[in-house]
Amino acid sequence: MRNPLAAELASAAIATFEQLAFLPAEVLEDPDEPDGQVTASCRVRFRGPASGALEMEVAGDFLGELAANMLGLEGEPGETERRDALGEITNVICGNVLPHLGGPTAVFDLSPPEVFPHPLPPCARPDGRLAYLALAVGGGRAAIRLRVYG
C-alpha cells in the first residue's frame, strides 16, 4: 500500500474489527468497490484540524456476527442491533485514524453515524484527499473510504 493515509486507515480498520468485534480482517488485493452487492453502509463526518468523512459499505452477511460479538449476544441480533454495530464500528475506526491526520493531541468533533440499508448516498463533497481500501471481514467485505478536506 503506497498511500500512507490508506496504510493508516488499513491499520486502524483491521485492529478495530479484530479487537472490538473479534472478527479477522485483511486487506484485499483487488480493491474494486462491491458494485450492487452492498447490504448496508455508514458515514461518520468529522471536523477539527481537518474535516471530512469516513464511509463504509459492507457486502455479505457478517453484520449479524459483528453485532453479536460486539454486544455479547447469544441469539441472532435484530436489524436495530446490526445497524447500531455498523455505526459503532465505523465511528471507532474513524476515531482511531484521526490522530494520524491531526496529531495525538488534536481534538475532532464527530457526527453521529448515519447508517443506511443500501449503498451510501452520494457525498456532498467528493473532492479532497481520499484513502480507499477493501477488507475481507468474517466472510464478507467492507469497503472503507476516508475523505479529507483541509
N, C-alpha and C. Protein backbone atom coordinates (compact mmCIF):
# COMPACT_ATOMS: atom_id res chain seq x y z
N MET A 1 0.86 -1.16 0.00
CA MET A 1 0.00 0.00 0.00
C MET A 1 0.91 1.24 0.00
N ARG A 2 0.88 1.98 -1.09
CA ARG A 2 1.81 3.10 -1.25
C ARG A 2 1.30 4.39 -0.60
N ASN A 3 0.01 4.55 -0.50
CA ASN A 3 -0.59 5.74 0.08
C ASN A 3 -0.49 5.65 1.61
N PRO A 4 0.30 6.55 2.26
CA PRO A 4 0.45 6.45 3.72
C PRO A 4 -0.88 6.60 4.47
N LEU A 5 -1.79 7.42 3.95
CA LEU A 5 -3.09 7.58 4.60
C LEU A 5 -3.89 6.28 4.50
N ALA A 6 -3.83 5.59 3.37
CA ALA A 6 -4.51 4.30 3.22
C ALA A 6 -3.89 3.26 4.13
N ALA A 7 -2.58 3.31 4.33
CA ALA A 7 -1.93 2.36 5.24
C ALA A 7 -2.39 2.59 6.67
N GLU A 8 -2.51 3.84 7.10
CA GLU A 8 -3.01 4.13 8.45
C GLU A 8 -4.46 3.71 8.60
N LEU A 9 -5.25 3.94 7.55
CA LEU A 9 -6.65 3.53 7.56
C LEU A 9 -6.76 2.01 7.68
N ALA A 10 -5.94 1.29 6.93
CA ALA A 10 -5.95 -0.17 6.99
C ALA A 10 -5.59 -0.66 8.39
N SER A 11 -4.56 -0.07 8.96
CA SER A 11 -4.13 -0.46 10.30
C SER A 11 -5.23 -0.23 11.33
N ALA A 12 -5.87 0.93 11.27
CA ALA A 12 -6.94 1.26 12.21
C ALA A 12 -8.15 0.35 12.01
N ALA A 13 -8.52 0.09 10.78
CA ALA A 13 -9.70 -0.73 10.50
C ALA A 13 -9.48 -2.19 10.92
N ILE A 14 -8.34 -2.75 10.57
CA ILE A 14 -8.06 -4.15 10.93
C ILE A 14 -8.03 -4.31 12.44
N ALA A 15 -7.33 -3.42 13.13
CA ALA A 15 -7.25 -3.50 14.59
C ALA A 15 -8.63 -3.36 15.22
N THR A 16 -9.46 -2.49 14.70
CA THR A 16 -10.80 -2.28 15.26
C THR A 16 -11.68 -3.52 15.07
N PHE A 17 -11.70 -4.07 13.86
CA PHE A 17 -12.50 -5.28 13.63
C PHE A 17 -12.04 -6.42 14.52
N GLU A 18 -10.73 -6.57 14.65
CA GLU A 18 -10.21 -7.69 15.42
C GLU A 18 -10.39 -7.50 16.93
N GLN A 19 -10.18 -6.30 17.43
CA GLN A 19 -10.22 -6.07 18.87
C GLN A 19 -11.63 -5.79 19.39
N LEU A 20 -12.45 -5.11 18.62
CA LEU A 20 -13.78 -4.73 19.09
C LEU A 20 -14.83 -5.79 18.74
N ALA A 21 -14.66 -6.43 17.58
CA ALA A 21 -15.69 -7.37 17.12
C ALA A 21 -15.19 -8.81 17.03
N PHE A 22 -13.92 -9.03 17.34
CA PHE A 22 -13.34 -10.37 17.30
C PHE A 22 -13.51 -11.02 15.93
N LEU A 23 -13.41 -10.21 14.88
CA LEU A 23 -13.52 -10.69 13.50
C LEU A 23 -12.19 -10.48 12.79
N PRO A 24 -11.66 -11.54 12.17
CA PRO A 24 -10.43 -11.36 11.41
C PRO A 24 -10.71 -10.48 10.19
N ALA A 25 -9.75 -9.63 9.88
CA ALA A 25 -9.88 -8.75 8.72
C ALA A 25 -8.54 -8.67 8.01
N GLU A 26 -8.59 -8.65 6.69
CA GLU A 26 -7.36 -8.49 5.92
C GLU A 26 -7.63 -7.68 4.67
N VAL A 27 -6.64 -6.92 4.25
CA VAL A 27 -6.77 -6.08 3.07
C VAL A 27 -6.86 -6.97 1.84
N LEU A 28 -7.83 -6.68 0.98
CA LEU A 28 -7.98 -7.40 -0.27
C LEU A 28 -7.07 -6.79 -1.32
N GLU A 29 -6.43 -7.64 -2.08
CA GLU A 29 -5.54 -7.15 -3.14
C GLU A 29 -6.31 -6.47 -4.25
N ASP A 30 -7.54 -6.91 -4.51
CA ASP A 30 -8.40 -6.32 -5.53
C ASP A 30 -9.34 -5.34 -4.85
N PRO A 31 -8.99 -4.06 -4.81
CA PRO A 31 -9.78 -3.10 -4.03
C PRO A 31 -11.02 -2.57 -4.74
N ASP A 32 -11.47 -3.23 -5.83
CA ASP A 32 -12.66 -2.73 -6.52
C ASP A 32 -13.83 -2.64 -5.55
N GLU A 33 -14.64 -1.64 -5.75
CA GLU A 33 -15.80 -1.45 -4.89
C GLU A 33 -16.84 -2.52 -5.21
N PRO A 34 -17.69 -2.89 -4.22
CA PRO A 34 -18.56 -4.04 -4.36
C PRO A 34 -19.82 -3.86 -5.20
N ASP A 35 -19.88 -2.88 -6.09
CA ASP A 35 -20.99 -2.65 -7.02
C ASP A 35 -22.23 -3.51 -6.82
N GLY A 36 -23.30 -2.92 -6.32
CA GLY A 36 -24.58 -3.59 -6.25
C GLY A 36 -24.71 -4.66 -5.19
N GLN A 37 -23.65 -5.08 -4.57
CA GLN A 37 -23.72 -6.11 -3.55
C GLN A 37 -23.85 -5.53 -2.15
N VAL A 38 -23.84 -4.23 -2.05
CA VAL A 38 -23.83 -3.57 -0.74
C VAL A 38 -25.11 -3.88 0.02
N THR A 39 -24.94 -4.38 1.25
CA THR A 39 -26.09 -4.73 2.09
C THR A 39 -26.37 -3.66 3.14
N ALA A 40 -25.40 -2.80 3.43
CA ALA A 40 -25.57 -1.70 4.38
C ALA A 40 -24.38 -0.77 4.23
N SER A 41 -24.55 0.45 4.73
CA SER A 41 -23.47 1.43 4.64
C SER A 41 -23.57 2.41 5.80
N CYS A 42 -22.47 3.13 6.02
CA CYS A 42 -22.43 4.09 7.13
C CYS A 42 -21.47 5.22 6.79
N ARG A 43 -21.79 6.41 7.28
CA ARG A 43 -20.92 7.58 7.11
C ARG A 43 -20.81 8.30 8.44
N VAL A 44 -19.57 8.63 8.82
CA VAL A 44 -19.30 9.44 10.01
C VAL A 44 -18.52 10.67 9.54
N ARG A 45 -19.06 11.84 9.78
CA ARG A 45 -18.39 13.09 9.40
C ARG A 45 -17.58 13.59 10.59
N PHE A 46 -16.51 14.32 10.30
CA PHE A 46 -15.68 14.88 11.38
C PHE A 46 -15.22 16.27 11.02
N ARG A 47 -14.95 17.07 12.08
CA ARG A 47 -14.41 18.43 11.95
C ARG A 47 -13.33 18.59 12.99
N GLY A 48 -12.34 19.40 12.68
CA GLY A 48 -11.23 19.66 13.58
C GLY A 48 -10.10 20.25 12.78
N PRO A 49 -8.84 19.85 13.06
CA PRO A 49 -7.72 20.34 12.27
C PRO A 49 -7.89 20.00 10.79
N ALA A 50 -8.64 18.96 10.50
CA ALA A 50 -9.05 18.60 9.14
C ALA A 50 -10.51 18.20 9.25
N SER A 51 -11.24 18.34 8.16
CA SER A 51 -12.62 17.89 8.16
C SER A 51 -12.79 16.85 7.07
N GLY A 52 -13.86 16.10 7.16
CA GLY A 52 -14.09 15.06 6.16
C GLY A 52 -15.10 14.04 6.63
N ALA A 53 -14.98 12.84 6.09
CA ALA A 53 -15.90 11.77 6.43
C ALA A 53 -15.22 10.43 6.26
N LEU A 54 -15.60 9.49 7.11
CA LEU A 54 -15.21 8.10 6.95
C LEU A 54 -16.47 7.37 6.51
N GLU A 55 -16.37 6.63 5.41
CA GLU A 55 -17.52 5.94 4.85
C GLU A 55 -17.21 4.45 4.74
N MET A 56 -18.21 3.63 5.06
CA MET A 56 -18.03 2.18 4.93
C MET A 56 -19.27 1.59 4.27
N GLU A 57 -19.03 0.74 3.28
CA GLU A 57 -20.09 -0.04 2.65
C GLU A 57 -19.73 -1.50 2.85
N VAL A 58 -20.71 -2.30 3.27
CA VAL A 58 -20.45 -3.71 3.53
C VAL A 58 -21.25 -4.58 2.58
N ALA A 59 -20.67 -5.71 2.23
CA ALA A 59 -21.31 -6.71 1.39
C ALA A 59 -21.13 -8.06 2.07
N GLY A 60 -22.10 -8.92 1.91
CA GLY A 60 -22.04 -10.21 2.58
C GLY A 60 -22.82 -10.15 3.88
N ASP A 61 -22.94 -11.29 4.53
CA ASP A 61 -23.77 -11.37 5.72
C ASP A 61 -22.92 -11.55 6.97
N PHE A 62 -22.16 -10.52 7.33
CA PHE A 62 -21.38 -10.62 8.56
C PHE A 62 -21.86 -9.63 9.63
N LEU A 63 -22.88 -8.83 9.33
CA LEU A 63 -23.35 -7.86 10.31
C LEU A 63 -23.98 -8.53 11.53
N GLY A 64 -24.60 -9.68 11.35
CA GLY A 64 -25.15 -10.41 12.50
C GLY A 64 -24.05 -10.86 13.44
N GLU A 65 -22.97 -11.40 12.88
CA GLU A 65 -21.84 -11.82 13.71
C GLU A 65 -21.15 -10.62 14.34
N LEU A 66 -21.02 -9.53 13.57
CA LEU A 66 -20.44 -8.31 14.10
C LEU A 66 -21.22 -7.83 15.33
N ALA A 67 -22.55 -7.74 15.19
CA ALA A 67 -23.38 -7.26 16.29
C ALA A 67 -23.34 -8.22 17.48
N ALA A 68 -23.44 -9.51 17.21
CA ALA A 68 -23.42 -10.49 18.30
C ALA A 68 -22.11 -10.41 19.08
N ASN A 69 -20.99 -10.31 18.36
CA ASN A 69 -19.68 -10.24 19.02
C ASN A 69 -19.51 -8.95 19.80
N MET A 70 -19.94 -7.83 19.22
CA MET A 70 -19.76 -6.55 19.89
C MET A 70 -20.66 -6.42 21.12
N LEU A 71 -21.86 -6.99 21.05
CA LEU A 71 -22.83 -6.83 22.13
C LEU A 71 -22.87 -8.03 23.08
N GLY A 72 -22.11 -9.07 22.75
CA GLY A 72 -22.09 -10.26 23.60
C GLY A 72 -23.42 -10.99 23.61
N LEU A 73 -24.09 -11.03 22.46
CA LEU A 73 -25.40 -11.67 22.35
C LEU A 73 -25.26 -13.17 22.08
N GLU A 74 -26.17 -13.94 22.63
CA GLU A 74 -26.21 -15.38 22.38
C GLU A 74 -27.02 -15.68 21.12
N GLY A 75 -28.15 -15.04 20.96
CA GLY A 75 -29.04 -15.30 19.83
C GLY A 75 -28.71 -14.43 18.63
N GLU A 76 -29.57 -14.52 17.64
CA GLU A 76 -29.42 -13.75 16.41
C GLU A 76 -29.83 -12.29 16.65
N PRO A 77 -28.92 -11.34 16.38
CA PRO A 77 -29.26 -9.92 16.59
C PRO A 77 -30.32 -9.46 15.58
N GLY A 78 -31.12 -8.51 16.02
CA GLY A 78 -32.12 -7.93 15.14
C GLY A 78 -31.51 -6.85 14.25
N GLU A 79 -32.36 -6.29 13.41
CA GLU A 79 -31.90 -5.26 12.47
C GLU A 79 -31.36 -4.03 13.20
N THR A 80 -31.98 -3.66 14.30
CA THR A 80 -31.51 -2.49 15.06
C THR A 80 -30.10 -2.73 15.60
N GLU A 81 -29.85 -3.91 16.16
CA GLU A 81 -28.51 -4.22 16.69
C GLU A 81 -27.48 -4.25 15.56
N ARG A 82 -27.85 -4.77 14.40
CA ARG A 82 -26.93 -4.80 13.25
C ARG A 82 -26.56 -3.39 12.80
N ARG A 83 -27.57 -2.55 12.70
CA ARG A 83 -27.31 -1.16 12.29
C ARG A 83 -26.47 -0.43 13.33
N ASP A 84 -26.79 -0.62 14.60
CA ASP A 84 -26.02 0.03 15.66
C ASP A 84 -24.57 -0.44 15.66
N ALA A 85 -24.35 -1.73 15.43
CA ALA A 85 -22.98 -2.26 15.40
C ALA A 85 -22.19 -1.67 14.23
N LEU A 86 -22.83 -1.57 13.06
CA LEU A 86 -22.15 -0.97 11.91
C LEU A 86 -21.81 0.49 12.19
N GLY A 87 -22.74 1.22 12.78
CA GLY A 87 -22.47 2.61 13.13
C GLY A 87 -21.34 2.75 14.13
N GLU A 88 -21.34 1.89 15.14
CA GLU A 88 -20.31 1.98 16.19
C GLU A 88 -18.94 1.61 15.65
N ILE A 89 -18.83 0.57 14.84
CA ILE A 89 -17.51 0.18 14.36
C ILE A 89 -16.97 1.24 13.38
N THR A 90 -17.85 1.84 12.59
CA THR A 90 -17.43 2.92 11.69
C THR A 90 -16.94 4.11 12.51
N ASN A 91 -17.66 4.44 13.56
CA ASN A 91 -17.28 5.54 14.45
C ASN A 91 -15.92 5.29 15.10
N VAL A 92 -15.69 4.07 15.58
CA VAL A 92 -14.43 3.75 16.25
C VAL A 92 -13.27 3.76 15.26
N ILE A 93 -13.47 3.23 14.05
CA ILE A 93 -12.41 3.27 13.04
C ILE A 93 -12.05 4.72 12.75
N CYS A 94 -13.07 5.57 12.59
CA CYS A 94 -12.83 6.99 12.34
C CYS A 94 -12.01 7.60 13.48
N GLY A 95 -12.44 7.36 14.71
CA GLY A 95 -11.71 7.90 15.86
C GLY A 95 -10.29 7.39 15.95
N ASN A 96 -10.04 6.15 15.52
CA ASN A 96 -8.70 5.59 15.58
C ASN A 96 -7.77 6.11 14.48
N VAL A 97 -8.33 6.56 13.37
CA VAL A 97 -7.48 7.05 12.28
C VAL A 97 -7.23 8.56 12.38
N LEU A 98 -8.10 9.30 13.07
CA LEU A 98 -7.97 10.76 13.12
C LEU A 98 -6.66 11.26 13.74
N PRO A 99 -6.09 10.62 14.76
CA PRO A 99 -4.79 11.11 15.27
C PRO A 99 -3.69 11.14 14.20
N HIS A 100 -3.85 10.34 13.15
CA HIS A 100 -2.86 10.35 12.07
C HIS A 100 -3.04 11.55 11.16
N LEU A 101 -4.20 12.21 11.26
CA LEU A 101 -4.44 13.42 10.47
C LEU A 101 -4.05 14.68 11.22
N GLY A 102 -4.32 14.73 12.53
CA GLY A 102 -4.11 15.96 13.27
C GLY A 102 -3.11 15.88 14.39
N GLY A 103 -2.52 14.71 14.59
CA GLY A 103 -1.58 14.55 15.69
C GLY A 103 -2.27 13.99 16.91
N PRO A 104 -1.48 13.48 17.86
CA PRO A 104 -2.05 12.77 19.02
C PRO A 104 -2.85 13.66 19.97
N THR A 105 -2.65 14.97 19.93
CA THR A 105 -3.39 15.84 20.86
C THR A 105 -4.51 16.62 20.17
N ALA A 106 -4.71 16.38 18.88
CA ALA A 106 -5.75 17.10 18.13
C ALA A 106 -7.13 16.71 18.63
N VAL A 107 -8.04 17.66 18.59
CA VAL A 107 -9.42 17.42 19.01
C VAL A 107 -10.31 17.49 17.77
N PHE A 108 -11.11 16.46 17.60
CA PHE A 108 -12.05 16.39 16.48
C PHE A 108 -13.47 16.25 17.02
N ASP A 109 -14.42 16.76 16.27
CA ASP A 109 -15.84 16.61 16.58
C ASP A 109 -16.41 15.64 15.55
N LEU A 110 -16.94 14.50 16.00
CA LEU A 110 -17.51 13.50 15.12
C LEU A 110 -19.03 13.59 15.15
N SER A 111 -19.65 13.48 13.99
CA SER A 111 -21.10 13.45 13.93
C SER A 111 -21.58 12.05 14.30
N PRO A 112 -22.83 11.91 14.68
CA PRO A 112 -23.37 10.56 14.90
C PRO A 112 -23.32 9.79 13.58
N PRO A 113 -23.09 8.48 13.64
CA PRO A 113 -23.05 7.68 12.41
C PRO A 113 -24.40 7.72 11.68
N GLU A 114 -24.32 7.86 10.36
CA GLU A 114 -25.51 7.78 9.51
C GLU A 114 -25.47 6.39 8.89
N VAL A 115 -26.43 5.53 9.23
CA VAL A 115 -26.44 4.15 8.74
C VAL A 115 -27.58 3.99 7.74
N PHE A 116 -27.30 3.30 6.63
CA PHE A 116 -28.27 3.10 5.56
C PHE A 116 -28.38 1.61 5.22
N PRO A 117 -29.58 1.13 4.85
CA PRO A 117 -29.74 -0.27 4.46
C PRO A 117 -29.47 -0.48 2.95
N HIS A 118 -28.63 0.34 2.38
CA HIS A 118 -28.33 0.32 0.95
C HIS A 118 -26.99 1.03 0.75
N PRO A 119 -26.49 1.12 -0.49
CA PRO A 119 -25.25 1.86 -0.72
C PRO A 119 -25.37 3.30 -0.24
N LEU A 120 -24.24 3.91 0.06
CA LEU A 120 -24.23 5.28 0.54
C LEU A 120 -24.81 6.24 -0.50
N PRO A 121 -25.58 7.21 -0.04
CA PRO A 121 -25.96 8.29 -0.95
C PRO A 121 -24.70 9.05 -1.36
N PRO A 122 -24.71 9.71 -2.49
CA PRO A 122 -23.52 10.44 -2.93
C PRO A 122 -23.04 11.44 -1.87
N CYS A 123 -21.74 11.58 -1.79
CA CYS A 123 -21.13 12.52 -0.86
C CYS A 123 -21.30 13.94 -1.42
N ALA A 124 -21.63 14.88 -0.54
CA ALA A 124 -21.82 16.28 -0.97
C ALA A 124 -20.52 16.88 -1.48
N ARG A 125 -19.38 16.40 -0.95
CA ARG A 125 -18.08 16.92 -1.37
C ARG A 125 -17.18 15.76 -1.78
N PRO A 126 -17.25 15.34 -3.03
CA PRO A 126 -16.44 14.19 -3.46
C PRO A 126 -14.96 14.53 -3.68
N ASP A 127 -14.60 15.81 -3.58
CA ASP A 127 -13.20 16.20 -3.78
C ASP A 127 -12.40 15.94 -2.51
N GLY A 128 -11.20 16.46 -2.44
CA GLY A 128 -10.36 16.29 -1.25
C GLY A 128 -9.48 15.05 -1.37
N ARG A 129 -8.64 14.85 -0.35
CA ARG A 129 -7.78 13.66 -0.32
C ARG A 129 -8.65 12.45 -0.05
N LEU A 130 -8.27 11.34 -0.63
CA LEU A 130 -9.07 10.14 -0.48
C LEU A 130 -8.15 8.95 -0.22
N ALA A 131 -8.52 8.17 0.78
CA ALA A 131 -7.88 6.88 1.02
C ALA A 131 -8.97 5.84 0.91
N TYR A 132 -8.70 4.76 0.19
CA TYR A 132 -9.70 3.72 -0.02
C TYR A 132 -9.05 2.36 0.20
N LEU A 133 -9.81 1.46 0.81
CA LEU A 133 -9.34 0.08 0.90
C LEU A 133 -10.54 -0.84 1.01
N ALA A 134 -10.32 -2.09 0.66
CA ALA A 134 -11.34 -3.12 0.79
C ALA A 134 -10.79 -4.20 1.70
N LEU A 135 -11.61 -4.63 2.65
CA LEU A 135 -11.21 -5.67 3.60
C LEU A 135 -12.10 -6.89 3.45
N ALA A 136 -11.50 -8.06 3.60
CA ALA A 136 -12.27 -9.28 3.80
C ALA A 136 -12.51 -9.36 5.31
N VAL A 137 -13.77 -9.42 5.70
CA VAL A 137 -14.13 -9.43 7.13
C VAL A 137 -15.15 -10.54 7.37
N GLY A 138 -14.78 -11.53 8.15
CA GLY A 138 -15.71 -12.57 8.58
C GLY A 138 -16.62 -13.10 7.50
N GLY A 139 -16.11 -13.44 6.34
CA GLY A 139 -16.94 -13.98 5.27
C GLY A 139 -17.64 -12.92 4.44
N GLY A 140 -17.36 -11.68 4.70
CA GLY A 140 -17.94 -10.59 3.93
C GLY A 140 -16.87 -9.62 3.47
N ARG A 141 -17.30 -8.45 3.10
CA ARG A 141 -16.38 -7.45 2.57
C ARG A 141 -16.78 -6.08 3.08
N ALA A 142 -15.80 -5.28 3.44
CA ALA A 142 -16.02 -3.90 3.85
C ALA A 142 -15.18 -2.99 2.98
N ALA A 143 -15.83 -2.07 2.29
CA ALA A 143 -15.13 -1.05 1.51
C ALA A 143 -15.12 0.22 2.35
N ILE A 144 -13.94 0.77 2.61
CA ILE A 144 -13.82 1.92 3.50
C ILE A 144 -13.13 3.05 2.75
N ARG A 145 -13.76 4.24 2.81
CA ARG A 145 -13.20 5.44 2.20
C ARG A 145 -13.03 6.51 3.26
N LEU A 146 -11.90 7.16 3.24
CA LEU A 146 -11.66 8.30 4.12
C LEU A 146 -11.50 9.51 3.22
N ARG A 147 -12.42 10.47 3.38
CA ARG A 147 -12.37 11.72 2.61
C ARG A 147 -11.88 12.81 3.55
N VAL A 148 -10.85 13.55 3.13
CA VAL A 148 -10.26 14.58 3.98
C VAL A 148 -10.22 15.90 3.21
N TYR A 149 -10.71 16.96 3.87
CA TYR A 149 -10.71 18.31 3.31
C TYR A 149 -9.91 19.22 4.23
N GLY A 150 -8.88 19.83 3.73
CA GLY A 150 -8.08 20.75 4.52
C GLY A 150 -7.13 20.13 5.47
